Each structure stands twice: as structure tokens, then as C-alpha cells.
PDB file of N, CA and C in Angstrom:
ATOM      1  N   MET A   1      -6.325 -14.056  -7.042  1.00  0.00           N
ATOM      2  CA  MET A   1      -6.652 -15.309  -6.401  1.00  0.00           C
ATOM      3  C   MET A   1      -7.698 -15.023  -5.330  1.00  0.00           C
ATOM      4  N   LYS A   2      -8.689 -15.909  -5.219  1.00  0.00           N
ATOM      5  CA  LYS A   2      -9.723 -15.739  -4.215  1.00  0.00           C
ATOM      6  C   LYS A   2      -9.143 -15.963  -2.823  1.00  0.00           C
ATOM      7  N   LYS A   3      -9.571 -15.139  -1.867  1.00  0.00           N
ATOM      8  CA  LYS A   3      -9.076 -15.237  -0.500  1.00  0.00           C
ATOM      9  C   LYS A   3      -9.327 -16.615   0.092  1.00  0.00           C
ATOM     10  N   GLN A   4     -10.537 -17.137  -0.108  1.00  0.00           N
ATOM     11  CA  GLN A   4     -10.899 -18.392   0.542  1.00  0.00           C
ATOM     12  C   GLN A   4     -10.410 -19.628  -0.195  1.00  0.00           C
ATOM     13  N   SER A   5      -9.806 -19.470  -1.368  1.00  0.00           N
ATOM     14  CA  SER A   5      -9.394 -20.664  -2.107  1.00  0.00           C
ATOM     15  C   SER A   5      -7.900 -20.702  -2.406  1.00  0.00           C
ATOM     16  N   ARG A   6      -7.106 -20.078  -1.557  1.00  0.00           N
ATOM     17  CA  ARG A   6      -5.665 -20.110  -1.780  1.00  0.00           C
ATOM     18  C   ARG A   6      -5.233 -21.561  -1.887  1.00  0.00           C
ATOM     19  N   THR A   7      -4.612 -21.887  -2.964  1.00  0.00           N
ATOM     20  CA  THR A   7      -4.297 -23.267  -3.278  1.00  0.00           C
ATOM     21  C   THR A   7      -3.148 -23.824  -2.456  1.00  0.00           C
ATOM     22  N   PRO A   8      -3.300 -25.057  -1.972  1.00  0.00           N
ATOM     23  CA  PRO A   8      -2.195 -25.715  -1.273  1.00  0.00           C
ATOM     24  C   PRO A   8      -0.960 -25.880  -2.158  1.00  0.00           C
ATOM     25  N   VAL A   9      -1.156 -25.825  -3.483  1.00  0.00           N
ATOM     26  CA  VAL A   9      -0.003 -25.927  -4.386  1.00  0.00           C
ATOM     27  C   VAL A   9       0.992 -24.829  -4.065  1.00  0.00           C
ATOM     28  N   LEU A  10       0.505 -23.630  -3.793  1.00  0.00           N
ATOM     29  CA  LEU A  10       1.400 -22.537  -3.432  1.00  0.00           C
ATOM     30  C   LEU A  10       1.817 -22.619  -1.973  1.00  0.00           C
ATOM     31  N   GLN A  11       0.882 -22.902  -1.101  1.00  0.00           N
ATOM     32  CA  GLN A  11       1.152 -22.901   0.335  1.00  0.00           C
ATOM     33  C   GLN A  11       2.128 -23.993   0.764  1.00  0.00           C
ATOM     34  N   ASN A  12       2.075 -25.147   0.130  1.00  0.00           N
ATOM     35  CA  ASN A  12       2.883 -26.293   0.567  1.00  0.00           C
ATOM     36  C   ASN A  12       3.980 -26.675  -0.406  1.00  0.00           C
ATOM     37  N   SER A  13       4.247 -25.829  -1.370  1.00  0.00           N
ATOM     38  CA  SER A  13       5.177 -26.180  -2.437  1.00  0.00           C
ATOM     39  C   SER A  13       6.641 -26.071  -2.011  1.00  0.00           C
ATOM     40  N   ASN A  14       7.464 -26.890  -2.628  1.00  0.00           N
ATOM     41  CA  ASN A  14       8.914 -26.774  -2.491  1.00  0.00           C
ATOM     42  C   ASN A  14       9.520 -26.055  -3.686  1.00  0.00           C
ATOM     43  N   VAL A  15       8.689 -25.659  -4.649  1.00  0.00           N
ATOM     44  CA  VAL A  15       9.137 -24.933  -5.829  1.00  0.00           C
ATOM     45  C   VAL A  15       9.357 -23.473  -5.427  1.00  0.00           C
ATOM     46  N   SER A  16      10.551 -22.965  -5.672  1.00  0.00           N
ATOM     47  CA  SER A  16      10.901 -21.629  -5.181  1.00  0.00           C
ATOM     48  C   SER A  16       9.977 -20.541  -5.725  1.00  0.00           C
ATOM     49  N   THR A  17       9.571 -20.632  -6.981  1.00  0.00           N
ATOM     50  CA  THR A  17       8.664 -19.626  -7.553  1.00  0.00           C
ATOM     51  C   THR A  17       7.332 -19.630  -6.824  1.00  0.00           C
ATOM     52  N   PHE A  18       6.790 -20.800  -6.545  1.00  0.00           N
ATOM     53  CA  PHE A  18       5.519 -20.900  -5.831  1.00  0.00           C
ATOM     54  C   PHE A  18       5.663 -20.393  -4.400  1.00  0.00           C
ATOM     55  N   LYS A  19       6.794 -20.663  -3.767  1.00  0.00           N
ATOM     56  CA  LYS A  19       7.044 -20.155  -2.411  1.00  0.00           C
ATOM     57  C   LYS A  19       7.048 -18.633  -2.403  1.00  0.00           C
ATOM     58  N   ARG A  20       7.708 -18.028  -3.398  1.00  0.00           N
ATOM     59  CA  ARG A  20       7.750 -16.566  -3.485  1.00  0.00           C
ATOM     60  C   ARG A  20       6.350 -15.996  -3.744  1.00  0.00           C
ATOM     61  N   MET A  21       5.591 -16.649  -4.612  1.00  0.00           N
ATOM     62  CA  MET A  21       4.223 -16.198  -4.880  1.00  0.00           C
ATOM     63  C   MET A  21       3.389 -16.241  -3.606  1.00  0.00           C
ATOM     64  N   ASN A  22       3.473 -17.336  -2.874  1.00  0.00           N
ATOM     65  CA  ASN A  22       2.710 -17.475  -1.644  1.00  0.00           C
ATOM     66  C   ASN A  22       3.127 -16.426  -0.619  1.00  0.00           C
ATOM     67  N   ALA A  23       4.427 -16.172  -0.505  1.00  0.00           N
ATOM     68  CA  ALA A  23       4.916 -15.158   0.436  1.00  0.00           C
ATOM     69  C   ALA A  23       4.387 -13.775   0.060  1.00  0.00           C
ATOM     70  N   TYR A  24       4.347 -13.483  -1.238  1.00  0.00           N
ATOM     71  CA  TYR A  24       3.812 -12.193  -1.694  1.00  0.00           C
ATOM     72  C   TYR A  24       2.330 -12.078  -1.346  1.00  0.00           C
ATOM     73  N   PHE A  25       1.550 -13.111  -1.665  1.00  0.00           N
ATOM     74  CA  PHE A  25       0.122 -13.083  -1.359  1.00  0.00           C
ATOM     75  C   PHE A  25      -0.106 -12.913   0.141  1.00  0.00           C
ATOM     76  N   GLU A  26       0.684 -13.609   0.933  1.00  0.00           N
ATOM     77  CA  GLU A  26       0.551 -13.544   2.391  1.00  0.00           C
ATOM     78  C   GLU A  26       0.859 -12.134   2.906  1.00  0.00           C
ATOM     79  N   ALA A  27       1.891 -11.500   2.358  1.00  0.00           N
ATOM     80  CA  ALA A  27       2.304 -10.169   2.807  1.00  0.00           C
ATOM     81  C   ALA A  27       1.409  -9.055   2.257  1.00  0.00           C
ATOM     82  N   ASN A  28       0.680  -9.330   1.190  1.00  0.00           N
ATOM     83  CA  ASN A  28      -0.132  -8.302   0.527  1.00  0.00           C
ATOM     84  C   ASN A  28      -1.586  -8.729   0.370  1.00  0.00           C
ATOM     85  N   LYS A  29      -2.119  -9.388   1.369  1.00  0.00           N
ATOM     86  CA  LYS A  29      -3.476  -9.950   1.287  1.00  0.00           C
ATOM     87  C   LYS A  29      -4.519  -8.925   0.854  1.00  0.00           C
ATOM     88  N   ASP A  30      -4.481  -7.738   1.427  1.00  0.00           N
ATOM     89  CA  ASP A  30      -5.521  -6.755   1.156  1.00  0.00           C
ATOM     90  C   ASP A  30      -5.545  -6.282  -0.287  1.00  0.00           C
ATOM     91  N   LYS A  31      -4.386  -6.214  -0.934  1.00  0.00           N
ATOM     92  CA  LYS A  31      -4.388  -5.716  -2.303  1.00  0.00           C
ATOM     93  C   LYS A  31      -4.206  -6.803  -3.353  1.00  0.00           C
ATOM     94  N   SER A  32      -3.858  -8.022  -2.963  1.00  0.00           N
ATOM     95  CA  SER A  32      -3.615  -9.059  -3.966  1.00  0.00           C
ATOM     96  C   SER A  32      -4.686 -10.137  -4.015  1.00  0.00           C
ATOM     97  N   LEU A  33      -5.399 -10.360  -2.928  1.00  0.00           N
ATOM     98  CA  LEU A  33      -6.406 -11.424  -2.892  1.00  0.00           C
ATOM     99  C   LEU A  33      -7.805 -10.833  -3.003  1.00  0.00           C
ATOM    100  N   MET A  34      -8.642 -11.495  -3.782  1.00  0.00           N
ATOM    101  CA  MET A  34      -9.993 -11.008  -4.060  1.00  0.00           C
ATOM    102  C   MET A  34     -11.034 -11.809  -3.278  1.00  0.00           C
ATOM    103  N   ASP A  35     -12.197 -11.191  -3.054  1.00  0.00           N
ATOM    104  CA  ASP A  35     -13.278 -11.857  -2.332  1.00  0.00           C
ATOM    105  C   ASP A  35     -14.085 -12.814  -3.211  1.00  0.00           C
ATOM    106  N   SER A  36     -13.992 -12.651  -4.541  1.00  0.00           N
ATOM    107  CA  SER A  36     -14.751 -13.523  -5.438  1.00  0.00           C
ATOM    108  C   SER A  36     -14.101 -13.557  -6.814  1.00  0.00           C
ATOM    109  N   ASN A  37     -14.441 -14.576  -7.599  1.00  0.00           N
ATOM    110  CA  ASN A  37     -13.970 -14.643  -8.978  1.00  0.00           C
ATOM    111  C   ASN A  37     -14.463 -13.441  -9.765  1.00  0.00           C
ATOM    112  N   LYS A  38     -15.711 -13.077  -9.562  1.00  0.00           N
ATOM    113  CA  LYS A  38     -16.286 -11.948 -10.291  1.00  0.00           C
ATOM    114  C   LYS A  38     -15.442 -10.693 -10.083  1.00  0.00           C
ATOM    115  N   LEU A  39     -15.110 -10.388  -8.840  1.00  0.00           N
ATOM    116  CA  LEU A  39     -14.290  -9.211  -8.544  1.00  0.00           C
ATOM    117  C   LEU A  39     -12.889  -9.343  -9.135  1.00  0.00           C
ATOM    118  N   GLY A  40     -12.344 -10.555  -9.119  1.00  0.00           N
ATOM    119  CA  GLY A  40     -11.013 -10.775  -9.688  1.00  0.00           C
ATOM    120  C   GLY A  40     -10.972 -10.495 -11.172  1.00  0.00           C
ATOM    121  N   PHE A  41     -11.942 -11.011 -11.917  1.00  0.00           N
ATOM    122  CA  PHE A  41     -11.971 -10.789 -13.361  1.00  0.00           C
ATOM    123  C   PHE A  41     -12.297  -9.339 -13.704  1.00  0.00           C
ATOM    124  N   GLU A  42     -13.147  -8.696 -12.905  1.00  0.00           N
ATOM    125  CA  GLU A  42     -13.428  -7.274 -13.125  1.00  0.00           C
ATOM    126  C   GLU A  42     -12.166  -6.442 -12.922  1.00  0.00           C
ATOM    127  N   ARG A  43     -11.393  -6.787 -11.909  1.00  0.00           N
ATOM    128  CA  ARG A  43     -10.157  -6.043 -11.644  1.00  0.00           C
ATOM    129  C   ARG A  43      -9.149  -6.212 -12.780  1.00  0.00           C
ATOM    130  N   VAL A  44      -9.075  -7.408 -13.344  1.00  0.00           N
ATOM    131  CA  VAL A  44      -8.180  -7.649 -14.486  1.00  0.00           C
ATOM    132  C   VAL A  44      -8.523  -6.708 -15.628  1.00  0.00           C
ATOM    133  N   LYS A  45      -9.815  -6.517 -15.873  1.00  0.00           N
ATOM    134  CA  LYS A  45     -10.252  -5.662 -16.984  1.00  0.00           C
ATOM    135  C   LYS A  45      -9.941  -4.183 -16.734  1.00  0.00           C
ATOM    136  N   LYS A  46      -9.951  -3.767 -15.467  1.00  0.00           N
ATOM    137  CA  LYS A  46      -9.812  -2.348 -15.134  1.00  0.00           C
ATOM    138  C   LYS A  46      -8.381  -1.922 -14.793  1.00  0.00           C
ATOM    139  N   GLU A  47      -7.564  -2.854 -14.313  1.00  0.00           N
ATOM    140  CA  GLU A  47      -6.245  -2.497 -13.789  1.00  0.00           C
ATOM    141  C   GLU A  47      -5.150  -3.362 -14.406  1.00  0.00           C
ATOM    142  N   ASN A  48      -3.939  -3.051 -14.065  1.00  0.00           N
ATOM    143  CA  ASN A  48      -2.789  -3.871 -14.436  1.00  0.00           C
ATOM    144  C   ASN A  48      -2.668  -4.973 -13.377  1.00  0.00           C
ATOM    145  N   TYR A  49      -3.479  -6.014 -13.509  1.00  0.00           N
ATOM    146  CA  TYR A  49      -3.622  -7.048 -12.478  1.00  0.00           C
ATOM    147  C   TYR A  49      -3.749  -8.405 -13.144  1.00  0.00           C
ATOM    148  N   ALA A  50      -3.027  -9.364 -12.644  1.00  0.00           N
ATOM    149  CA  ALA A  50      -3.125 -10.745 -13.108  1.00  0.00           C
ATOM    150  C   ALA A  50      -3.859 -11.541 -12.036  1.00  0.00           C
ATOM    151  N   TYR A  51      -4.837 -12.318 -12.444  1.00  0.00           N
ATOM    152  CA  TYR A  51      -5.676 -13.063 -11.514  1.00  0.00           C
ATOM    153  C   TYR A  51      -5.424 -14.554 -11.672  1.00  0.00           C
ATOM    154  N   ILE A  52      -5.161 -15.238 -10.577  1.00  0.00           N
ATOM    155  CA  ILE A  52      -4.971 -16.687 -10.583  1.00  0.00           C
ATOM    156  C   ILE A  52      -6.276 -17.324 -10.124  1.00  0.00           C
ATOM    157  N   SER A  53      -6.783 -18.241 -10.940  1.00  0.00           N
ATOM    158  CA  SER A  53      -8.058 -18.873 -10.637  1.00  0.00           C
ATOM    159  C   SER A  53      -8.056 -20.303 -11.160  1.00  0.00           C
ATOM    160  N   GLU A  54      -9.128 -21.028 -10.869  1.00  0.00           N
ATOM    161  CA  GLU A  54      -9.295 -22.373 -11.390  1.00  0.00           C
ATOM    162  C   GLU A  54      -9.391 -22.300 -12.914  1.00  0.00           C
ATOM    163  N   SER A  55      -8.831 -23.294 -13.590  1.00  0.00           N
ATOM    164  CA  SER A  55      -8.783 -23.263 -15.057  1.00  0.00           C
ATOM    165  C   SER A  55     -10.172 -23.210 -15.680  1.00  0.00           C
ATOM    166  N   THR A  56     -11.159 -23.876 -15.078  1.00  0.00           N
ATOM    167  CA  THR A  56     -12.506 -23.840 -15.655  1.00  0.00           C
ATOM    168  C   THR A  56     -13.107 -22.434 -15.570  1.00  0.00           C
ATOM    169  N   SER A  57     -12.837 -21.720 -14.494  1.00  0.00           N
ATOM    170  CA  SER A  57     -13.323 -20.341 -14.374  1.00  0.00           C
ATOM    171  C   SER A  57     -12.652 -19.445 -15.402  1.00  0.00           C
ATOM    172  N   ILE A  58     -11.361 -19.632 -15.597  1.00  0.00           N
ATOM    173  CA  ILE A  58     -10.629 -18.834 -16.584  1.00  0.00           C
ATOM    174  C   ILE A  58     -11.145 -19.147 -17.987  1.00  0.00           C
ATOM    175  N   ASP A  59     -11.287 -20.438 -18.305  1.00  0.00           N
ATOM    176  CA  ASP A  59     -11.805 -20.831 -19.627  1.00  0.00           C
ATOM    177  C   ASP A  59     -13.167 -20.186 -19.894  1.00  0.00           C
ATOM    178  N   TYR A  60     -14.037 -20.238 -18.917  1.00  0.00           N
ATOM    179  CA  TYR A  60     -15.379 -19.665 -19.058  1.00  0.00           C
ATOM    180  C   TYR A  60     -15.302 -18.169 -19.352  1.00  0.00           C
ATOM    181  N   GLN A  61     -14.505 -17.455 -18.573  1.00  0.00           N
ATOM    182  CA  GLN A  61     -14.395 -16.002 -18.743  1.00  0.00           C
ATOM    183  C   GLN A  61     -13.731 -15.623 -20.063  1.00  0.00           C
ATOM    184  N   VAL A  62     -12.685 -16.337 -20.432  1.00  0.00           N
ATOM    185  CA  VAL A  62     -11.965 -16.037 -21.674  1.00  0.00           C
ATOM    186  C   VAL A  62     -12.871 -16.244 -22.892  1.00  0.00           C
ATOM    187  N   GLN A  63     -13.722 -17.268 -22.844  1.00  0.00           N
ATOM    188  CA  GLN A  63     -14.633 -17.530 -23.959  1.00  0.00           C
ATOM    189  C   GLN A  63     -15.727 -16.476 -24.087  1.00  0.00           C
ATOM    190  N   ARG A  64     -15.997 -15.760 -23.027  1.00  0.00           N
ATOM    191  CA  ARG A  64     -17.070 -14.767 -23.037  1.00  0.00           C
ATOM    192  C   ARG A  64     -16.574 -13.326 -23.057  1.00  0.00           C
ATOM    193  N   ASN A  65     -15.286 -13.120 -22.855  1.00  0.00           N
ATOM    194  CA  ASN A  65     -14.714 -11.774 -22.820  1.00  0.00           C
ATOM    195  C   ASN A  65     -13.500 -11.711 -23.731  1.00  0.00           C
ATOM    196  N   CYS A  66     -13.662 -11.063 -24.853  1.00  0.00           N
ATOM    197  CA  CYS A  66     -12.580 -10.985 -25.848  1.00  0.00           C
ATOM    198  C   CYS A  66     -11.369 -10.216 -25.332  1.00  0.00           C
ATOM    199  N   ASP A  67     -11.546  -9.417 -24.294  1.00  0.00           N
ATOM    200  CA  ASP A  67     -10.442  -8.639 -23.763  1.00  0.00           C
ATOM    201  C   ASP A  67      -9.650  -9.382 -22.675  1.00  0.00           C
ATOM    202  N   LEU A  68      -9.957 -10.647 -22.444  1.00  0.00           N
ATOM    203  CA  LEU A  68      -9.224 -11.472 -21.482  1.00  0.00           C
ATOM    204  C   LEU A  68      -8.478 -12.591 -22.202  1.00  0.00           C
ATOM    205  N   MET A  69      -7.375 -13.037 -21.602  1.00  0.00           N
ATOM    206  CA  MET A  69      -6.667 -14.200 -22.133  1.00  0.00           C
ATOM    207  C   MET A  69      -5.960 -14.916 -20.993  1.00  0.00           C
ATOM    208  N   GLN A  70      -5.792 -16.217 -21.191  1.00  0.00           N
ATOM    209  CA  GLN A  70      -5.062 -17.020 -20.219  1.00  0.00           C
ATOM    210  C   GLN A  70      -3.599 -17.017 -20.619  1.00  0.00           C
ATOM    211  N   ILE A  71      -2.743 -16.861 -19.624  1.00  0.00           N
ATOM    212  CA  ILE A  71      -1.300 -16.858 -19.871  1.00  0.00           C
ATOM    213  C   ILE A  71      -0.684 -18.028 -19.113  1.00  0.00           C
ATOM    214  N   GLY A  72       0.148 -18.783 -19.791  1.00  0.00           N
ATOM    215  CA  GLY A  72       0.855 -19.877 -19.132  1.00  0.00           C
ATOM    216  C   GLY A  72       0.023 -21.139 -19.016  1.00  0.00           C
ATOM    217  N   SER A  73       0.593 -22.093 -18.331  1.00  0.00           N
ATOM    218  CA  SER A  73      -0.052 -23.396 -18.178  1.00  0.00           C
ATOM    219  C   SER A  73      -0.620 -23.542 -16.769  1.00  0.00           C
ATOM    220  N   LEU A  74      -1.200 -24.680 -16.491  1.00  0.00           N
ATOM    221  CA  LEU A  74      -1.804 -24.949 -15.195  1.00  0.00           C
ATOM    222  C   LEU A  74      -0.738 -25.054 -14.105  1.00  0.00           C
ATOM    223  N   LEU A  75      -1.067 -24.585 -12.899  1.00  0.00           N
ATOM    224  CA  LEU A  75      -0.164 -24.742 -11.757  1.00  0.00           C
ATOM    225  C   LEU A  75      -0.184 -26.180 -11.250  1.00  0.00           C
ATOM    226  N   ASP A  76      -1.352 -26.798 -11.333  1.00  0.00           N
ATOM    227  CA  ASP A  76      -1.503 -28.204 -10.967  1.00  0.00           C
ATOM    228  C   ASP A  76      -2.706 -28.753 -11.724  1.00  0.00           C
ATOM    229  N   ASN A  77      -2.964 -30.031 -11.564  1.00  0.00           N
ATOM    230  CA  ASN A  77      -4.043 -30.670 -12.296  1.00  0.00           C
ATOM    231  C   ASN A  77      -4.878 -31.485 -11.325  1.00  0.00           C
ATOM    232  N   LYS A  78      -6.165 -31.189 -11.277  1.00  0.00           N
ATOM    233  CA  LYS A  78      -7.071 -31.905 -10.382  1.00  0.00           C
ATOM    234  C   LYS A  78      -8.275 -32.382 -11.180  1.00  0.00           C
ATOM    235  N   GLY A  79      -8.776 -33.532 -10.813  1.00  0.00           N
ATOM    236  CA  GLY A  79     -10.001 -34.023 -11.414  1.00  0.00           C
ATOM    237  C   GLY A  79     -11.177 -33.684 -10.517  1.00  0.00           C
ATOM    238  N   TYR A  80     -12.334 -33.487 -11.118  1.00  0.00           N
ATOM    239  CA  TYR A  80     -13.539 -33.185 -10.360  1.00  0.00           C
ATOM    240  C   TYR A  80     -14.622 -34.172 -10.728  1.00  0.00           C
ATOM    241  N   GLY A  81     -15.514 -34.417  -9.804  1.00  0.00           N
ATOM    242  CA  GLY A  81     -16.664 -35.266 -10.056  1.00  0.00           C
ATOM    243  C   GLY A  81     -17.924 -34.502  -9.703  1.00  0.00           C
ATOM    244  N   ILE A  82     -19.017 -34.917 -10.281  1.00  0.00           N
ATOM    245  CA  ILE A  82     -20.310 -34.295 -10.008  1.00  0.00           C
ATOM    246  C   ILE A  82     -21.263 -35.373  -9.547  1.00  0.00           C
ATOM    247  N   ALA A  83     -21.946 -35.111  -8.450  1.00  0.00           N
ATOM    248  CA  ALA A  83     -22.919 -36.077  -7.911  1.00  0.00           C
ATOM    249  C   ALA A  83     -24.311 -35.479  -7.997  1.00  0.00           C
ATOM    250  N   GLY A  84     -25.262 -36.326  -8.221  1.00  0.00           N
ATOM    251  CA  GLY A  84     -26.641 -35.889  -8.287  1.00  0.00           C
ATOM    252  C   GLY A  84     -27.562 -37.025  -7.889  1.00  0.00           C
ATOM    253  N   PRO A  85     -28.826 -36.704  -7.657  1.00  0.00           N
ATOM    254  CA  PRO A  85     -29.770 -37.755  -7.273  1.00  0.00           C
ATOM    255  C   PRO A  85     -30.090 -38.670  -8.458  1.00  0.00           C
ATOM    256  N   LYS A  86     -30.422 -39.922  -8.160  1.00  0.00           N
ATOM    257  CA  LYS A  86     -30.853 -40.847  -9.211  1.00  0.00           C
ATOM    258  C   LYS A  86     -32.211 -40.416  -9.733  1.00  0.00           C
ATOM    259  N   GLY A  87     -32.391 -40.735 -11.016  1.00  0.00           N
ATOM    260  CA  GLY A  87     -33.720 -40.505 -11.573  1.00  0.00           C
ATOM    261  C   GLY A  87     -33.850 -39.439 -12.543  1.00  0.00           C
TER     262      GLY A  87
END
């Protein structure tokens, strides 16, 4: 999981599994949280490491790297919008 994008789903959850995950990340920040998605996916390829990321980032990486796979379902579901200039 990226250091700067720790999800409120884990931080504010009443689900015991999510609470335990958040407590682990909090207690092991230096070895469990990554500075970027790129570093997170590289670590997955090199080590026994599971990386939690946005589903679109995982989908992108899985489609381009045959040695990666997504496990499980989404932790939460969010919609995104894109804005751009007219014309």
C-alpha cells in the first residue's frame, strides 16, 4: 500500500479484519508501506509480498505482467470522474 494513500476504509473501519490490517500497517510502516505504486509492484515480483492498491492500478499491472495476479475482491467501491477543458 502506498504511504500517502492509506485508505480511510482501513483507518475508519469497524470491520475487525480491516482494523487488524490497519494496526499492522501502522506498526510496520517502514517495511509494509511503499513510496509509490511502481515500487510496490516491483517488490511483489521480487519478494513474498502482497501489495494493496487501487483496482485500476492493479488491473493495469496484471494485464501487462503475466507474473502478477489480483487476489480477492475490492475493499470498497468508488466512482471517479475526469474533467477537462472544453473544445
